[in-house]
N, C-alpha and C. Protein backbone atom coordinates (compact mmCIF):
# COMPACT_ATOMS: atom_id res chain seq x y z
N UNK A 1 32.91 132.19 77.86
CA UNK A 1 33.52 132.12 79.18
C UNK A 1 33.11 133.38 79.95
N UNK A 2 32.69 133.21 81.19
CA UNK A 2 32.22 134.36 81.95
C UNK A 2 33.35 135.06 82.71
N UNK A 3 33.02 136.21 83.26
CA UNK A 3 33.97 137.08 83.96
C UNK A 3 34.67 136.35 85.11
N UNK A 4 33.92 135.61 85.91
CA UNK A 4 34.50 134.90 87.06
C UNK A 4 35.50 133.83 86.63
N UNK A 5 35.16 133.11 85.57
CA UNK A 5 36.08 132.08 85.07
C UNK A 5 37.37 132.69 84.54
N UNK A 6 37.24 133.81 83.84
CA UNK A 6 38.43 134.49 83.33
C UNK A 6 39.32 134.97 84.48
N UNK A 7 38.69 135.50 85.51
CA UNK A 7 39.47 135.96 86.66
C UNK A 7 40.20 134.79 87.32
N UNK A 8 39.54 133.66 87.46
CA UNK A 8 40.18 132.48 88.05
C UNK A 8 41.39 132.04 87.23
N UNK A 9 41.28 132.11 85.92
CA UNK A 9 42.39 131.74 85.05
C UNK A 9 43.57 132.69 85.25
N UNK A 10 43.27 133.99 85.30
CA UNK A 10 44.33 134.98 85.50
C UNK A 10 44.99 134.79 86.87
N UNK A 11 44.19 134.57 87.91
CA UNK A 11 44.74 134.37 89.25
C UNK A 11 45.60 133.10 89.31
N UNK A 12 45.16 132.06 88.64
CA UNK A 12 45.93 130.82 88.59
C UNK A 12 47.27 131.06 87.90
N UNK A 13 47.23 131.79 86.80
CA UNK A 13 48.47 132.08 86.07
C UNK A 13 49.41 132.95 86.89
N UNK A 14 48.86 133.90 87.66
CA UNK A 14 49.67 134.73 88.56
C UNK A 14 50.38 133.84 89.58
N UNK A 15 49.64 132.91 90.16
CA UNK A 15 50.22 132.00 91.15
C UNK A 15 51.31 131.14 90.52
N UNK A 16 51.05 130.63 89.32
CA UNK A 16 52.05 129.80 88.64
C UNK A 16 53.31 130.61 88.32
N UNK A 17 53.13 131.85 87.87
CA UNK A 17 54.28 132.68 87.52
C UNK A 17 55.07 133.07 88.76
N UNK A 18 54.37 133.31 89.86
CA UNK A 18 55.05 133.64 91.11
C UNK A 18 55.94 132.47 91.55
N UNK A 19 55.41 131.26 91.45
CA UNK A 19 56.19 130.07 91.80
C UNK A 19 57.38 129.89 90.86
N UNK A 20 57.14 130.11 89.56
CA UNK A 20 58.22 129.99 88.58
C UNK A 20 59.31 131.02 88.86
N UNK A 21 58.93 132.24 89.20
CA UNK A 21 59.92 133.27 89.51
C UNK A 21 60.73 132.90 90.74
N UNK A 22 60.06 132.38 91.76
CA UNK A 22 60.75 131.96 92.99
C UNK A 22 61.78 130.87 92.68
N UNK A 23 61.37 129.87 91.92
CA UNK A 23 62.28 128.78 91.56
C UNK A 23 63.44 129.28 90.71
N UNK A 24 63.14 130.16 89.77
CA UNK A 24 64.18 130.72 88.91
C UNK A 24 65.18 131.54 89.73
N UNK A 25 64.69 132.33 90.67
CA UNK A 25 65.56 133.13 91.52
C UNK A 25 66.45 132.23 92.38
N UNK A 26 65.89 131.14 92.88
CA UNK A 26 66.70 130.21 93.67
C UNK A 26 67.77 129.53 92.84
N UNK A 27 67.45 129.26 91.60
CA UNK A 27 68.39 128.53 90.72
C UNK A 27 69.42 129.46 90.08
N UNK A 28 68.98 130.62 89.58
CA UNK A 28 69.85 131.50 88.81
C UNK A 28 70.28 132.75 89.56
N UNK A 29 69.62 133.05 90.66
CA UNK A 29 69.93 134.26 91.41
C UNK A 29 68.85 135.32 91.18
N UNK A 30 68.71 136.17 92.16
CA UNK A 30 67.65 137.18 92.14
C UNK A 30 67.88 138.18 91.00
N UNK A 31 69.11 138.49 90.71
CA UNK A 31 69.41 139.51 89.69
C UNK A 31 69.62 138.96 88.29
N UNK A 32 69.33 137.70 88.08
CA UNK A 32 69.59 137.09 86.77
C UNK A 32 68.58 137.56 85.72
N UNK A 33 68.97 137.44 84.47
CA UNK A 33 68.09 137.80 83.36
C UNK A 33 66.84 136.95 83.37
N UNK A 34 66.97 135.67 83.67
CA UNK A 34 65.82 134.77 83.69
C UNK A 34 64.81 135.20 84.76
N UNK A 35 65.32 135.55 85.94
CA UNK A 35 64.44 135.99 87.03
C UNK A 35 63.76 137.31 86.67
N UNK A 36 64.51 138.21 86.05
CA UNK A 36 63.94 139.49 85.63
C UNK A 36 62.81 139.27 84.63
N UNK A 37 62.99 138.37 83.68
CA UNK A 37 61.93 138.08 82.70
C UNK A 37 60.68 137.52 83.39
N UNK A 38 60.87 136.63 84.35
CA UNK A 38 59.73 136.10 85.11
C UNK A 38 59.03 137.22 85.86
N UNK A 39 59.80 138.10 86.47
CA UNK A 39 59.25 139.21 87.22
C UNK A 39 58.42 140.12 86.32
N UNK A 40 58.91 140.38 85.12
CA UNK A 40 58.18 141.23 84.18
C UNK A 40 56.88 140.57 83.74
N UNK A 41 56.90 139.26 83.50
CA UNK A 41 55.68 138.54 83.14
C UNK A 41 54.68 138.59 84.28
N UNK A 42 55.17 138.41 85.50
CA UNK A 42 54.30 138.47 86.67
C UNK A 42 53.68 139.86 86.80
N UNK A 43 54.49 140.89 86.61
CA UNK A 43 53.98 142.26 86.67
C UNK A 43 52.86 142.48 85.66
N UNK A 44 53.04 141.98 84.44
CA UNK A 44 52.01 142.14 83.41
C UNK A 44 50.71 141.45 83.81
N UNK A 45 50.84 140.25 84.37
CA UNK A 45 49.65 139.52 84.80
C UNK A 45 48.93 140.25 85.94
N UNK A 46 49.70 140.76 86.88
CA UNK A 46 49.10 141.51 88.00
C UNK A 46 48.40 142.76 87.48
N UNK A 47 49.04 143.44 86.53
CA UNK A 47 48.42 144.64 85.95
C UNK A 47 47.13 144.30 85.22
N UNK A 48 47.11 143.18 84.51
CA UNK A 48 45.88 142.74 83.85
C UNK A 48 44.79 142.51 84.89
N UNK A 49 45.14 141.84 85.97
CA UNK A 49 44.14 141.59 87.01
C UNK A 49 43.63 142.89 87.61
N UNK A 50 44.53 143.80 87.91
CA UNK A 50 44.11 145.08 88.48
C UNK A 50 43.22 145.85 87.52
N UNK A 51 43.56 145.83 86.25
CA UNK A 51 42.81 146.60 85.26
C UNK A 51 41.40 146.03 85.03
N UNK A 52 41.30 144.73 84.93
CA UNK A 52 40.05 144.13 84.50
C UNK A 52 39.20 143.50 85.60
N UNK A 53 39.81 143.21 86.74
CA UNK A 53 39.07 142.46 87.76
C UNK A 53 39.03 143.13 89.12
N UNK A 54 39.81 144.14 89.34
CA UNK A 54 39.87 144.77 90.64
C UNK A 54 38.74 145.79 90.79
N UNK A 55 38.04 145.72 91.89
CA UNK A 55 36.98 146.70 92.17
C UNK A 55 37.55 148.09 92.36
N UNK A 56 38.81 148.17 92.82
CA UNK A 56 39.44 149.46 93.04
C UNK A 56 39.67 150.19 91.71
N UNK A 57 39.80 149.43 90.62
CA UNK A 57 40.04 150.04 89.31
C UNK A 57 38.75 150.57 88.70
N UNK A 58 37.61 150.21 89.26
CA UNK A 58 36.33 150.63 88.69
C UNK A 58 35.98 152.05 89.04
């Protein structure tokens, strides 16, 4: 799998996690444990993208 394909997968997962966090926050509240867990997962995905795919990190 090449670099571009991996980046697309990470970006897709970021988008999916962002949607999941939004839905979780609407259902359980912004300060809920479930929303916090989604937020942490999203943060990890964004950090992965910044570390491995961002030109600014180079």
